[in-house]
C-alpha atoms as a PDB file:
ATOM      1  CA  MET A   1     -26.927 -30.214  32.052  1.00  0.00           C
ATOM      2  CA  LEU A   2     -26.070 -33.173  34.231  1.00  0.00           C
ATOM      3  CA  GLU A   3     -26.496 -36.698  32.918  1.00  0.00           C
ATOM      4  CA  PRO A   4     -28.016 -39.479  35.041  1.00  0.00           C
ATOM      5  CA  PRO A   5     -25.660 -42.101  36.525  1.00  0.00           C
ATOM      6  CA  ASP A   6     -25.199 -45.205  34.389  1.00  0.00           C
ATOM      7  CA  HIS A   7     -26.676 -47.502  37.032  1.00  0.00           C
ATOM      8  CA  PHE A   8     -30.054 -45.687  36.982  1.00  0.00           C
ATOM      9  CA  THR A   9     -32.980 -47.595  35.511  1.00  0.00           C
ATOM     10  CA  PRO A  10     -34.731 -45.968  32.509  1.00  0.00           C
ATOM     11  CA  THR A  11     -37.542 -44.712  34.775  1.00  0.00           C
ATOM     12  CA  GLU A  12     -35.013 -43.291  37.248  1.00  0.00           C
ATOM     13  CA  GLN A  13     -33.327 -41.521  34.320  1.00  0.00           C
ATOM     14  CA  ALA A  14     -36.665 -40.045  33.230  1.00  0.00           C
ATOM     15  CA  ILE A  15     -37.263 -38.778  36.774  1.00  0.00           C
ATOM     16  CA  PHE A  16     -33.730 -37.394  36.886  1.00  0.00           C
ATOM     17  CA  TYR A  17     -34.286 -35.355  33.707  1.00  0.00           C
ATOM     18  CA  VAL A  18     -37.380 -33.657  35.149  1.00  0.00           C
ATOM     19  CA  ALA A  19     -35.178 -32.024  37.798  1.00  0.00           C
ATOM     20  CA  GLN A  20     -32.732 -30.671  35.185  1.00  0.00           C
ATOM     21  CA  TYR A  21     -35.207 -28.261  33.587  1.00  0.00           C
ATOM     22  CA  PRO A  22     -35.838 -25.415  33.017  1.00  0.00           C
ATOM     23  CA  CYS A  23     -32.383 -25.490  31.471  1.00  0.00           C
ATOM     24  CA  GLU A  24     -29.784 -23.520  33.389  1.00  0.00           C
ATOM     25  CA  ARG A  25     -27.230 -23.543  30.568  1.00  0.00           C
ATOM     26  CA  CYS A  26     -29.519 -22.245  27.814  1.00  0.00           C
ATOM     27  CA  LEU A  27     -31.774 -19.904  29.806  1.00  0.00           C
ATOM     28  CA  LEU A  28     -29.682 -18.133  32.460  1.00  0.00           C
ATOM     29  CA  PRO A  29     -27.629 -16.135  29.882  1.00  0.00           C
ATOM     30  CA  GLN A  30     -30.929 -14.677  28.605  1.00  0.00           C
ATOM     31  CA  LEU A  31     -32.123 -13.466  32.016  1.00  0.00           C
ATOM     32  CA  SER A  32     -31.372  -9.917  33.151  1.00  0.00           C
ATOM     33  CA  THR A  33     -33.679  -9.067  36.068  1.00  0.00           C
ATOM     34  CA  THR A  34     -34.209 -10.274  39.620  1.00  0.00           C
ATOM     35  CA  GLU A  35     -37.810 -11.115  38.728  1.00  0.00           C
ATOM     36  CA  GLN A  36     -36.649 -13.450  35.968  1.00  0.00           C
ATOM     37  CA  PHE A  37     -34.130 -15.219  38.192  1.00  0.00           C
ATOM     38  CA  SER A  38     -36.828 -15.616  40.838  1.00  0.00           C
ATOM     39  CA  LEU A  39     -39.158 -17.141  38.244  1.00  0.00           C
ATOM     40  CA  PHE A  40     -36.427 -19.531  37.129  1.00  0.00           C
ATOM     41  CA  LEU A  41     -35.732 -20.657  40.702  1.00  0.00           C
ATOM     42  CA  ARG A  42     -39.454 -21.181  41.408  1.00  0.00           C
ATOM     43  CA  TRP A  43     -39.753 -23.454  38.392  1.00  0.00           C
ATOM     44  CA  ARG A  44     -36.620 -25.414  39.278  1.00  0.00           C
ATOM     45  CA  THR A  45     -37.978 -25.849  42.807  1.00  0.00           C
ATOM     46  CA  ALA A  46     -41.332 -27.023  41.447  1.00  0.00           C
ATOM     47  CA  GLN A  47     -39.558 -29.533  39.198  1.00  0.00           C
ATOM     48  CA  SER A  48     -37.553 -30.828  42.158  1.00  0.00           C
ATOM     49  CA  TYR A  49     -40.785 -31.360  44.126  1.00  0.00           C
ATOM     50  CA  ILE A  50     -42.221 -33.282  41.170  1.00  0.00           C
ATOM     51  CA  THR A  51     -39.071 -35.392  41.035  1.00  0.00           C
ATOM     52  CA  CYS A  52     -39.257 -36.194  44.757  1.00  0.00           C
ATOM     53  CA  CYS A  53     -42.922 -37.180  44.589  1.00  0.00           C
ATOM     54  CA  TRP A  54     -42.471 -39.307  41.489  1.00  0.00           C
ATOM     55  CA  GLY A  55     -39.488 -41.058  43.057  1.00  0.00           C
ATOM     56  CA  ALA A  56     -41.507 -41.698  46.217  1.00  0.00           C
ATOM     57  CA  ARG A  57     -44.290 -43.295  44.170  1.00  0.00           C
ATOM     58  CA  VAL A  58     -41.815 -45.594  42.433  1.00  0.00           C
ATOM     59  CA  LEU A  59     -40.291 -46.648  45.751  1.00  0.00           C
ATOM     60  CA  GLY A  60     -43.629 -46.860  47.555  1.00  0.00           C
ATOM     61  CA  SER A  61     -42.419 -44.282  50.085  1.00  0.00           C
ATOM     62  CA  GLU A  62     -44.417 -41.698  51.998  1.00  0.00           C
ATOM     63  CA  ASP A  63     -45.565 -38.526  50.274  1.00  0.00           C
ATOM     64  CA  PRO A  64     -42.643 -36.073  50.736  1.00  0.00           C
ATOM     65  CA  LEU A  65     -44.862 -32.983  50.327  1.00  0.00           C
ATOM     66  CA  TYR A  66     -47.779 -33.832  52.591  1.00  0.00           C
ATOM     67  CA  SER A  67     -46.173 -32.442  55.753  1.00  0.00           C
ATOM     68  CA  LYS A  68     -45.278 -29.206  53.925  1.00  0.00           C
ATOM     69  CA  MET A  69     -48.874 -28.792  52.786  1.00  0.00           C
ATOM     70  CA  LYS A  70     -50.266 -29.501  56.281  1.00  0.00           C
ATOM     71  CA  ALA A  71     -47.828 -26.987  57.758  1.00  0.00           C
ATOM     72  CA  LYS A  72     -48.987 -24.473  55.104  1.00  0.00           C
ATOM     73  CA  ALA A  73     -45.463 -24.134  53.731  1.00  0.00           C
ATOM     74  CA  ILE A  74     -47.048 -24.768  50.321  1.00  0.00           C
ATOM     75  CA  SER A  75     -50.636 -24.226  49.224  1.00  0.00           C
ATOM     76  CA  ARG A  76     -53.150 -27.000  48.682  1.00  0.00           C
ATOM     77  CA  ASP A  77     -53.465 -25.954  45.039  1.00  0.00           C
ATOM     78  CA  PHE A  78     -49.709 -26.283  44.526  1.00  0.00           C
ATOM     79  CA  TYR A  79     -49.647 -29.615  46.363  1.00  0.00           C
ATOM     80  CA  ASP A  80     -52.419 -30.975  44.137  1.00  0.00           C
ATOM     81  CA  TRP A  81     -50.716 -29.571  41.034  1.00  0.00           C
ATOM     82  CA  VAL A  82     -47.430 -31.340  41.826  1.00  0.00           C
ATOM     83  CA  HIS A  83     -49.174 -34.700  42.149  1.00  0.00           C
ATOM     84  CA  LEU A  84     -51.217 -34.142  38.997  1.00  0.00           C
ATOM     85  CA  LYS A  85     -47.987 -33.248  37.207  1.00  0.00           C
ATOM     86  CA  VAL A  86     -46.433 -36.501  38.454  1.00  0.00           C
ATOM     87  CA  SER A  87     -49.414 -38.432  37.056  1.00  0.00           C
ATOM     88  CA  TYR A  88     -48.996 -36.556  33.761  1.00  0.00           C
ATOM     89  CA  PHE A  89     -45.297 -37.416  33.546  1.00  0.00           C
ATOM     90  CA  GLU A  90     -45.916 -41.040  34.506  1.00  0.00           C
ATOM     91  CA  ALA A  91     -48.476 -41.403  31.703  1.00  0.00           C
ATOM     92  CA  LEU A  92     -46.232 -39.552  29.247  1.00  0.00           C
ATOM     93  CA  TRP A  93     -43.256 -41.777  30.102  1.00  0.00           C
ATOM     94  CA  VAL A  94     -45.207 -44.995  29.479  1.00  0.00           C
ATOM     95  CA  LEU A  95     -46.549 -43.576  26.198  1.00  0.00           C
ATOM     96  CA  CYS A  96     -43.014 -42.709  25.050  1.00  0.00           C
ATOM     97  CA  GLN A  97     -41.864 -46.243  25.854  1.00  0.00           C
ATOM     98  CA  LEU A  98     -44.684 -47.713  23.766  1.00  0.00           C
ATOM     99  CA  LEU A  99     -44.227 -45.410  20.775  1.00  0.00           C
ATOM    100  CA  SER A 100     -40.448 -45.116  20.457  1.00  0.00           C
ATOM    101  CA  PRO A 101     -39.594 -48.705  19.333  1.00  0.00           C
ATOM    102  CA  ARG A 102     -42.023 -48.568  16.407  1.00  0.00           C
ATOM    103  CA  MET A 103     -40.872 -45.103  15.406  1.00  0.00           C
ATOM    104  CA  ALA A 104     -37.195 -46.103  15.566  1.00  0.00           C
ATOM    105  CA  GLU A 105     -37.878 -49.270  13.565  1.00  0.00           C
ATOM    106  CA  GLU A 106     -39.720 -47.315  10.886  1.00  0.00           C
ATOM    107  CA  LEU A 107     -36.953 -44.723  10.548  1.00  0.00           C
ATOM    108  CA  SER A 108     -34.330 -47.447  10.381  1.00  0.00           C
ATOM    109  CA  GLU A 109     -36.220 -49.178   7.560  1.00  0.00           C
ATOM    110  CA  LEU A 110     -36.296 -45.876   5.696  1.00  0.00           C
ATOM    111  CA  GLY A 111     -32.516 -45.623   6.001  1.00  0.00           C
ATOM    112  CA  HIS A 112     -32.412 -42.996   8.756  1.00  0.00           C
ATOM    113  CA  THR A 113     -30.039 -45.076  10.896  1.00  0.00           C
ATOM    114  CA  GLU A 114     -28.530 -42.219  12.904  1.00  0.00           C
ATOM    115  CA  LEU A 115     -31.892 -40.564  13.492  1.00  0.00           C
ATOM    116  CA  SER A 116     -33.411 -43.857  14.614  1.00  0.00           C
ATOM    117  CA  LYS A 117     -30.763 -44.108  17.338  1.00  0.00           C
ATOM    118  CA  LEU A 118     -31.991 -40.790  18.721  1.00  0.00           C
ATOM    119  CA  THR A 119     -35.606 -41.899  18.726  1.00  0.00           C
ATOM    120  CA  THR A 120     -35.614 -43.455  22.169  1.00  0.00           C
ATOM    121  CA  ALA A 121     -38.212 -43.281  24.920  1.00  0.00           C
ATOM    122  CA  LEU A 122     -35.903 -41.032  26.942  1.00  0.00           C
ATOM    123  CA  SER A 123     -35.257 -38.637  24.044  1.00  0.00           C
ATOM    124  CA  LEU A 124     -38.987 -38.277  23.371  1.00  0.00           C
ATOM    125  CA  PHE A 125     -39.758 -37.806  27.044  1.00  0.00           C
ATOM    126  CA  ARG A 126     -36.966 -35.304  27.591  1.00  0.00           C
ATOM    127  CA  ALA A 127     -38.061 -33.226  24.579  1.00  0.00           C
ATOM    128  CA  ASN A 128     -41.505 -32.827  26.138  1.00  0.00           C
ATOM    129  CA  VAL A 129     -40.056 -31.983  29.551  1.00  0.00           C
ATOM    130  CA  ILE A 130     -37.743 -29.343  28.071  1.00  0.00           C
ATOM    131  CA  GLU A 131     -40.509 -27.689  26.099  1.00  0.00           C
ATOM    132  CA  GLY A 132     -42.903 -27.513  29.030  1.00  0.00           C
ATOM    133  CA  ALA A 133     -40.357 -26.287  31.577  1.00  0.00           C
ATOM    134  CA  ASN A 134     -38.436 -23.772  29.440  1.00  0.00           C
ATOM    135  CA  TRP A 135     -41.444 -22.055  27.893  1.00  0.00           C
ATOM    136  CA  PRO A 136     -42.607 -20.016  30.955  1.00  0.00           C
ATOM    137  CA  ILE A 137     -39.078 -18.639  31.395  1.00  0.00           C
ATOM    138  CA  GLU A 138     -38.687 -17.832  27.706  1.00  0.00           C
ATOM    139  CA  LEU A 139     -41.929 -15.815  27.821  1.00  0.00           C
ATOM    140  CA  SER A 140     -40.361 -13.428  30.337  1.00  0.00           C
ATOM    141  CA  CYS A 141     -37.756 -12.333  27.776  1.00  0.00           C
ATOM    142  CA  GLY A 142     -40.304 -10.658  25.487  1.00  0.00           C
ATOM    143  CA  TYR A 143     -43.614  -8.866  25.854  1.00  0.00           C
ATOM    144  CA  VAL A 144     -46.632 -10.922  26.858  1.00  0.00           C
ATOM    145  CA  GLU A 145     -49.943 -10.320  28.611  1.00  0.00           C
ATOM    146  CA  ILE A 146     -51.416 -13.237  30.567  1.00  0.00           C
ATOM    147  CA  PRO A 147     -55.048 -12.577  31.585  1.00  0.00           C
ATOM    148  CA  GLY A 148     -55.902 -14.997  34.373  1.00  0.00           C
ATOM    149  CA  ARG A 149     -59.605 -15.421  33.624  1.00  0.00           C
ATOM    150  CA  LYS A 150     -59.087 -16.013  29.909  1.00  0.00           C
ATOM    151  CA  ILE A 151     -56.368 -18.586  30.626  1.00  0.00           C
ATOM    152  CA  ASP A 152     -58.761 -20.187  33.116  1.00  0.00           C
ATOM    153  CA  THR A 153     -61.454 -20.406  30.422  1.00  0.00           C
ATOM    154  CA  ALA A 154     -59.063 -21.773  27.781  1.00  0.00           C
ATOM    155  CA  LEU A 155     -57.714 -24.497  30.072  1.00  0.00           C
ATOM    156  CA  LYS A 156     -61.195 -25.536  31.189  1.00  0.00           C
ATOM    157  CA  LEU A 157     -62.313 -25.784  27.576  1.00  0.00           C
ATOM    158  CA  GLN A 158     -59.242 -27.857  26.718  1.00  0.00           C
ATOM    159  CA  ALA A 159     -60.027 -30.212  29.587  1.00  0.00           C
ATOM    160  CA  LYS A 160     -63.664 -30.467  28.543  1.00  0.00           C
ATOM    161  CA  SER A 161     -62.673 -31.181  24.941  1.00  0.00           C
ATOM    162  CA  ILE A 162     -60.796 -34.246  26.214  1.00  0.00           C
ATOM    163  CA  LYS A 163     -63.327 -35.492  28.747  1.00  0.00           C
ATOM    164  CA  LYS A 164     -66.692 -34.678  27.199  1.00  0.00           C
ATOM    165  CA  GLY A 165     -66.258 -32.878  23.909  1.00  0.00           C
ATOM    166  CA  LEU A 166     -67.183 -29.306  23.005  1.00  0.00           C
ATOM    167  CA  THR A 167     -70.146 -27.674  21.351  1.00  0.00           C
ATOM    168  CA  GLN A 168     -69.406 -25.841  18.114  1.00  0.00           C
ATOM    169  CA  LYS A 169     -69.582 -22.517  19.947  1.00  0.00           C
ATOM    170  CA  GLU A 170     -67.157 -23.737  22.633  1.00  0.00           C
ATOM    171  CA  ALA A 171     -64.779 -25.130  20.011  1.00  0.00           C
ATOM    172  CA  LEU A 172     -64.685 -21.779  18.224  1.00  0.00           C
ATOM    173  CA  ARG A 173     -64.063 -19.966  21.503  1.00  0.00           C
ATOM    174  CA  LEU A 174     -61.212 -22.335  22.392  1.00  0.00           C
ATOM    175  CA  GLN A 175     -59.702 -21.874  18.941  1.00  0.00           C
ATOM    176  CA  ARG A 176     -59.795 -18.107  19.368  1.00  0.00           C
ATOM    177  CA  LEU A 177     -58.277 -18.223  22.861  1.00  0.00           C
ATOM    178  CA  SER A 178     -55.610 -20.722  21.816  1.00  0.00           C
ATOM    179  CA  THR A 179     -54.604 -18.522  18.901  1.00  0.00           C
ATOM    180  CA  GLU A 180     -54.344 -15.532  21.218  1.00  0.00           C
ATOM    181  CA  TYR A 181     -52.790 -17.099  24.324  1.00  0.00           C
ATOM    182  CA  GLY A 182     -51.899 -20.692  23.491  1.00  0.00           C
ATOM    183  CA  HIS A 183     -48.495 -22.341  23.377  1.00  0.00           C
ATOM    184  CA  LYS A 184     -47.554 -24.507  20.394  1.00  0.00           C
ATOM    185  CA  ALA A 185     -46.181 -27.684  21.981  1.00  0.00           C
ATOM    186  CA  VAL A 186     -44.215 -29.215  19.101  1.00  0.00           C
ATOM    187  CA  SER A 187     -43.079 -32.319  20.997  1.00  0.00           C
ATOM    188  CA  LEU A 188     -46.599 -33.055  22.205  1.00  0.00           C
ATOM    189  CA  GLU A 189     -47.963 -32.620  18.689  1.00  0.00           C
ATOM    190  CA  LEU A 190     -45.360 -35.148  17.502  1.00  0.00           C
ATOM    191  CA  LEU A 191     -46.568 -37.681  20.060  1.00  0.00           C
ATOM    192  CA  ILE A 192     -50.188 -37.162  19.020  1.00  0.00           C
ATOM    193  CA  ALA A 193     -49.257 -37.597  15.362  1.00  0.00           C
ATOM    194  CA  MET A 194     -47.343 -40.770  16.189  1.00  0.00           C
ATOM    195  CA  MET A 195     -50.253 -42.110  18.202  1.00  0.00           C
ATOM    196  CA  ALA A 196     -52.589 -41.577  15.233  1.00  0.00           C
ATOM    197  CA  ARG A 197     -50.106 -43.466  13.032  1.00  0.00           C
ATOM    198  CA  TYR A 198     -49.858 -46.434  15.397  1.00  0.00           C
ATOM    199  CA  CYS A 199     -53.468 -46.540  16.608  1.00  0.00           C
ATOM    200  CA  ASP A 200     -53.721 -50.173  15.501  1.00  0.00           C
ATOM    201  CA  SER A 201     -52.087 -51.071  18.812  1.00  0.00           C
ATOM    202  CA  LYS A 202     -54.594 -51.489  21.652  1.00  0.00           C
ATOM    203  CA  ALA A 203     -51.840 -50.839  24.195  1.00  0.00           C
ATOM    204  CA  VAL A 204     -50.887 -47.542  22.543  1.00  0.00           C
ATOM    205  CA  THR A 205     -54.519 -46.424  22.252  1.00  0.00           C
ATOM    206  CA  ALA A 206     -55.289 -47.279  25.890  1.00  0.00           C
ATOM    207  CA  GLN A 207     -52.189 -45.499  27.165  1.00  0.00           C
ATOM    208  CA  PHE A 208     -52.872 -42.449  25.015  1.00  0.00           C
ATOM    209  CA  GLU A 209     -56.359 -42.199  26.512  1.00  0.00           C
ATOM    210  CA  HIS A 210     -54.829 -42.485  29.987  1.00  0.00           C
ATOM    211  CA  PHE A 211     -52.310 -39.761  29.121  1.00  0.00           C
ATOM    212  CA  MET A 212     -55.013 -37.441  27.787  1.00  0.00           C
ATOM    213  CA  LEU A 213     -57.101 -37.914  30.941  1.00  0.00           C
ATOM    214  CA  ALA A 214     -54.055 -37.038  33.070  1.00  0.00           C
ATOM    215  CA  THR A 215     -53.576 -33.980  30.840  1.00  0.00           C
ATOM    216  CA  ALA A 216     -57.209 -32.901  31.285  1.00  0.00           C
ATOM    217  CA  ASN A 217     -56.997 -33.265  35.074  1.00  0.00           C
ATOM    218  CA  LEU A 218     -53.836 -31.148  35.076  1.00  0.00           C
ATOM    219  CA  TYR A 219     -55.485 -28.478  32.909  1.00  0.00           C
ATOM    220  CA  GLU A 220     -58.412 -28.212  35.322  1.00  0.00           C
ATOM    221  CA  LYS A 221     -56.095 -27.540  38.263  1.00  0.00           C
ATOM    222  CA  GLU A 222     -54.002 -25.071  36.247  1.00  0.00           C
ATOM    223  CA  ALA A 223     -57.208 -23.268  35.259  1.00  0.00           C
ATOM    224  CA  THR A 224     -58.094 -22.737  38.918  1.00  0.00           C
ATOM    225  CA  MET A 225     -54.563 -21.544  39.694  1.00  0.00           C
ATOM    226  CA  ALA A 226     -54.610 -19.133  36.730  1.00  0.00           C
ATOM    227  CA  ARG A 227     -57.878 -17.587  37.891  1.00  0.00           C
ATOM    228  CA  LYS A 228     -56.569 -17.132  41.439  1.00  0.00           C
ATOM    229  CA  SER A 229     -53.272 -15.659  40.203  1.00  0.00           C
ATOM    230  CA  GLY A 230     -55.030 -12.898  38.301  1.00  0.00           C
ATOM    231  CA  SER A 231     -53.604 -11.105  35.280  1.00  0.00           C
ATOM    232  CA  TYR A 232     -49.909 -10.482  34.834  1.00  0.00           C
ATOM    233  CA  GLY A 233     -47.341 -10.211  32.082  1.00  0.00           C
ATOM    234  CA  TRP A 234     -43.740  -9.539  31.103  1.00  0.00           C
ATOM    235  CA  ASP A 235     -41.978  -6.719  29.298  1.00  0.00           C
ATOM    236  CA  ASN A 236     -38.417  -7.799  28.491  1.00  0.00           C
ATOM    237  CA  GLY A 237     -37.758  -9.126  31.987  1.00  0.00           C
ATOM    238  CA  VAL A 238     -39.929  -6.628  33.871  1.00  0.00           C
ATOM    239  CA  LYS A 239     -42.906  -8.225  35.620  1.00  0.00           C
ATOM    240  CA  LEU A 240     -46.248  -6.582  34.795  1.00  0.00           C
ATOM    241  CA  THR A 241     -49.483  -6.533  36.749  1.00  0.00           C
ATOM    242  CA  GLY A 242     -52.841  -6.380  35.000  1.00  0.00           C
ATOM    243  CA  THR A 243     -55.389  -3.818  36.195  1.00  0.00           C
ATOM    244  CA  GLU A 244     -59.200  -4.007  36.157  1.00  0.00           C
ATOM    245  CA  ASN A 245     -59.129  -1.877  33.014  1.00  0.00           C
ATOM    246  CA  GLY A 246     -56.981  -4.422  31.202  1.00  0.00           C
ATOM    247  CA  VAL A 247     -53.893  -2.219  31.357  1.00  0.00           C
ATOM    248  CA  TYR A 248     -50.558  -3.859  32.205  1.00  0.00           C
ATOM    249  CA  VAL A 249     -48.174  -1.845  34.356  1.00  0.00           C
ATOM    250  CA  PRO A 250     -44.811  -2.670  35.958  1.00  0.00           C
ATOM    251  CA  ALA A 251     -45.413  -4.548  39.194  1.00  0.00           C
ATOM    252  CA  ILE A 252     -42.871  -2.358  40.993  1.00  0.00           C
ATOM    253  CA  SER A 253     -45.208   0.649  40.585  1.00  0.00           C
ATOM    254  CA  GLU A 254     -47.531  -0.892  43.182  1.00  0.00           C
ATOM    255  CA  THR A 255     -44.956  -0.655  45.984  1.00  0.00           C
END
């Protein structure tokens, strides 16, 4: 993995790291099929688009993807997703900057001097980026079924739980779907736990609410994209297509 130039500002370094994942060094040795390599390249391309758009926002430059969307080189859904992802990363980056000094100070007081040096805004941010970007590629190495409509429902319920709250019935349904199809985001759970610990800070609380709203907006777009993508899966590197009967077959059998 490349490291950002020394003259980059902390925000420029955060943007730089987004483009470095999914991780080429740790993931490529695990990939064995053309479908997997294609998936990896699509995600790296998506991350590069996010990087470009975030950088443009920081500089106050024109939207680098708008012309591609108007020319139909990318879909409107993908265009919207990239910008929602930028908003998510922006909110996450500010949250990491607010939380990391207090966490590092606390660990230092407890005698964890070396660990406290690692607890920086960039290390927290990068951990979340790695987890989110590597996970879809890692899924392709095993067996997984991804039913579009159920993912759509789960993401919509997650968004609603943030924005409005869920009924007991909805909460139980989300719990069931999350158990079946959810992804355990360890780094994100750490941030949430830290936020609960430092909720005495109005700045932290306000930024966490902003981050969660950005997360909910992203979930809503990803729900729509999941529904439109339909059902698919992976069987040790082989792409699967879901049928109306809920059966998953190798995608190549359709051609």
